[in-house]
Amino acid sequence: MPKLKPHKGLLKRVKITGRGKILRHQACKSHLMSSKTGARRRRLGTAKTVGNAAFVKIIRRQLAME
């Protein structure tokens, strides 16, 4: 059976931590920032972990980690 290739677009959008968690960036951070409060902008700037187990399984399969 051939090796699985990772999804290149997904590799650019997520980061795998040392323990295997998947980090993603928040949406709504690219434009129209003046209408958002400062606290909301700071909150949108931090990376979030992908918490849904089904999504984690799909992402790991597309990254050829399994």
N, C-alpha and C. Protein backbone atom coordinates (compact mmCIF):
# COMPACT_ATOMS: atom_id res chain seq x y z
N MET A 1 0.84 -1.18 0.00
CA MET A 1 0.00 0.00 0.00
C MET A 1 0.89 1.25 0.00
N PRO A 2 0.59 2.24 -0.86
CA PRO A 2 1.45 3.43 -0.91
C PRO A 2 1.29 4.30 0.33
N LYS A 3 2.30 5.13 0.54
CA LYS A 3 2.23 6.07 1.66
C LYS A 3 1.16 7.12 1.40
N LEU A 4 0.55 7.59 2.48
CA LEU A 4 -0.44 8.66 2.36
C LEU A 4 0.26 10.00 2.34
N LYS A 5 -0.17 10.88 1.46
CA LYS A 5 0.41 12.22 1.40
C LYS A 5 -0.41 13.15 2.29
N PRO A 6 0.25 14.07 3.00
CA PRO A 6 -0.50 15.03 3.82
C PRO A 6 -1.17 16.09 2.95
N HIS A 7 -2.26 16.61 3.44
CA HIS A 7 -2.99 17.68 2.76
C HIS A 7 -2.22 18.98 2.96
N LYS A 8 -1.67 19.53 1.88
CA LYS A 8 -0.77 20.69 1.99
C LYS A 8 -1.48 21.95 2.47
N GLY A 9 -2.74 22.14 2.07
CA GLY A 9 -3.48 23.31 2.53
C GLY A 9 -3.74 23.27 4.02
N LEU A 10 -4.02 22.09 4.53
CA LEU A 10 -4.27 21.94 5.95
C LEU A 10 -2.99 22.11 6.76
N LEU A 11 -1.86 21.67 6.20
CA LEU A 11 -0.58 21.83 6.89
C LEU A 11 -0.26 23.30 7.14
N LYS A 12 -0.71 24.18 6.23
CA LYS A 12 -0.44 25.61 6.38
C LYS A 12 -1.37 26.28 7.38
N ARG A 13 -2.46 25.63 7.74
CA ARG A 13 -3.48 26.24 8.58
C ARG A 13 -3.49 25.74 10.02
N VAL A 14 -2.88 24.61 10.29
CA VAL A 14 -2.88 24.07 11.64
C VAL A 14 -1.45 23.78 12.08
N LYS A 15 -1.27 23.62 13.40
CA LYS A 15 0.03 23.29 13.96
C LYS A 15 -0.17 22.16 14.96
N ILE A 16 0.72 21.20 14.95
CA ILE A 16 0.63 20.08 15.88
C ILE A 16 1.56 20.36 17.05
N THR A 17 1.05 20.26 18.27
CA THR A 17 1.87 20.48 19.46
C THR A 17 2.70 19.23 19.75
N GLY A 18 3.56 19.33 20.74
CA GLY A 18 4.39 18.19 21.11
C GLY A 18 3.60 17.02 21.64
N ARG A 19 2.46 17.29 22.27
CA ARG A 19 1.61 16.22 22.80
C ARG A 19 0.59 15.72 21.80
N GLY A 20 0.59 16.29 20.59
CA GLY A 20 -0.32 15.81 19.56
C GLY A 20 -1.61 16.58 19.43
N LYS A 21 -1.77 17.67 20.18
CA LYS A 21 -2.97 18.48 20.02
C LYS A 21 -2.86 19.31 18.75
N ILE A 22 -3.99 19.73 18.23
CA ILE A 22 -4.02 20.48 16.98
C ILE A 22 -4.46 21.90 17.28
N LEU A 23 -3.63 22.88 16.89
CA LEU A 23 -3.92 24.29 17.10
C LEU A 23 -4.38 24.91 15.79
N ARG A 24 -5.37 25.80 15.88
CA ARG A 24 -5.89 26.49 14.71
C ARG A 24 -6.01 27.97 15.05
N HIS A 25 -6.17 28.80 14.02
CA HIS A 25 -6.36 30.23 14.21
C HIS A 25 -7.84 30.56 14.12
N GLN A 26 -8.24 31.62 14.79
CA GLN A 26 -9.62 32.08 14.77
C GLN A 26 -9.92 32.81 13.46
N ALA A 27 -11.17 32.78 13.05
CA ALA A 27 -11.61 33.55 11.88
C ALA A 27 -11.93 34.98 12.32
N CYS A 28 -12.31 35.82 11.39
CA CYS A 28 -12.74 37.21 11.61
C CYS A 28 -11.61 38.11 12.11
N LYS A 29 -10.39 37.90 11.68
CA LYS A 29 -9.26 38.69 12.13
C LYS A 29 -8.59 39.43 10.98
N SER A 30 -9.16 39.36 9.76
CA SER A 30 -8.44 39.89 8.61
C SER A 30 -8.80 41.33 8.27
N HIS A 31 -10.04 41.75 8.49
CA HIS A 31 -10.42 43.12 8.12
C HIS A 31 -11.61 43.54 8.97
N LEU A 32 -12.02 44.80 8.82
CA LEU A 32 -13.10 45.41 9.60
C LEU A 32 -12.82 45.33 11.10
N MET A 33 -11.60 45.66 11.48
CA MET A 33 -11.20 45.54 12.87
C MET A 33 -11.65 46.71 13.72
N SER A 34 -11.98 47.86 13.12
CA SER A 34 -12.33 49.03 13.92
C SER A 34 -13.68 48.87 14.61
N SER A 35 -14.54 48.02 14.08
CA SER A 35 -15.84 47.82 14.71
C SER A 35 -15.78 46.81 15.86
N LYS A 36 -14.67 46.11 16.00
CA LYS A 36 -14.53 45.11 17.07
C LYS A 36 -13.83 45.75 18.26
N THR A 37 -14.18 45.31 19.45
CA THR A 37 -13.56 45.86 20.65
C THR A 37 -12.15 45.32 20.80
N GLY A 38 -11.36 46.00 21.63
CA GLY A 38 -9.98 45.58 21.83
C GLY A 38 -9.88 44.20 22.47
N ALA A 39 -10.78 43.93 23.42
CA ALA A 39 -10.75 42.61 24.06
C ALA A 39 -11.08 41.51 23.05
N ARG A 40 -12.01 41.80 22.16
CA ARG A 40 -12.37 40.80 21.15
C ARG A 40 -11.22 40.57 20.17
N ARG A 41 -10.52 41.65 19.81
CA ARG A 41 -9.37 41.51 18.89
C ARG A 41 -8.26 40.71 19.54
N ARG A 42 -8.00 40.94 20.82
CA ARG A 42 -6.97 40.16 21.52
C ARG A 42 -7.37 38.70 21.61
N ARG A 43 -8.63 38.45 21.87
CA ARG A 43 -9.11 37.08 21.98
C ARG A 43 -9.03 36.35 20.64
N LEU A 44 -9.28 37.06 19.55
CA LEU A 44 -9.21 36.46 18.22
C LEU A 44 -7.76 36.18 17.81
N GLY A 45 -6.81 36.84 18.43
CA GLY A 45 -5.41 36.66 18.04
C GLY A 45 -4.78 35.40 18.58
N THR A 46 -5.37 34.79 19.60
CA THR A 46 -4.75 33.61 20.19
C THR A 46 -5.16 32.36 19.42
N ALA A 47 -4.29 31.37 19.44
CA ALA A 47 -4.58 30.09 18.77
C ALA A 47 -5.48 29.25 19.66
N LYS A 48 -6.39 28.53 19.04
CA LYS A 48 -7.33 27.67 19.76
C LYS A 48 -7.02 26.21 19.44
N THR A 49 -7.35 25.33 20.38
CA THR A 49 -7.18 23.91 20.11
C THR A 49 -8.46 23.37 19.48
N VAL A 50 -8.30 22.40 18.60
CA VAL A 50 -9.45 21.74 18.01
C VAL A 50 -9.93 20.72 19.03
N GLY A 51 -11.15 20.93 19.56
CA GLY A 51 -11.61 20.13 20.67
C GLY A 51 -12.49 18.95 20.27
N ASN A 52 -13.19 19.07 19.14
CA ASN A 52 -14.11 18.02 18.74
C ASN A 52 -13.31 16.79 18.29
N ALA A 53 -13.57 15.64 18.91
CA ALA A 53 -12.79 14.43 18.63
C ALA A 53 -12.96 13.97 17.20
N ALA A 54 -14.15 14.18 16.62
CA ALA A 54 -14.38 13.77 15.24
C ALA A 54 -13.53 14.60 14.28
N PHE A 55 -13.44 15.91 14.53
CA PHE A 55 -12.62 16.77 13.69
C PHE A 55 -11.13 16.43 13.84
N VAL A 56 -10.71 16.13 15.05
CA VAL A 56 -9.31 15.77 15.28
C VAL A 56 -8.96 14.51 14.49
N LYS A 57 -9.87 13.55 14.47
CA LYS A 57 -9.62 12.31 13.75
C LYS A 57 -9.52 12.57 12.25
N ILE A 58 -10.40 13.43 11.72
CA ILE A 58 -10.37 13.76 10.29
C ILE A 58 -9.08 14.49 9.93
N ILE A 59 -8.68 15.44 10.78
CA ILE A 59 -7.47 16.22 10.51
C ILE A 59 -6.25 15.33 10.55
N ARG A 60 -6.17 14.43 11.52
CA ARG A 60 -5.01 13.54 11.60
C ARG A 60 -4.94 12.63 10.39
N ARG A 61 -6.09 12.19 9.90
CA ARG A 61 -6.10 11.35 8.70
C ARG A 61 -5.61 12.13 7.50
N GLN A 62 -6.03 13.41 7.37
CA GLN A 62 -5.61 14.21 6.23
C GLN A 62 -4.14 14.62 6.32
N LEU A 63 -3.61 14.70 7.52
CA LEU A 63 -2.20 15.02 7.70
C LEU A 63 -1.32 13.78 7.64
N ALA A 64 -1.92 12.62 7.40
CA ALA A 64 -1.23 11.33 7.29
C ALA A 64 -0.47 11.01 8.56
N MET A 65 -1.10 11.29 9.71
CA MET A 65 -0.47 10.99 10.99
C MET A 65 -0.88 9.61 11.51
N GLU A 66 -1.95 9.04 10.96
CA GLU A 66 -2.43 7.75 11.46
C GLU A 66 -1.95 6.63 10.58
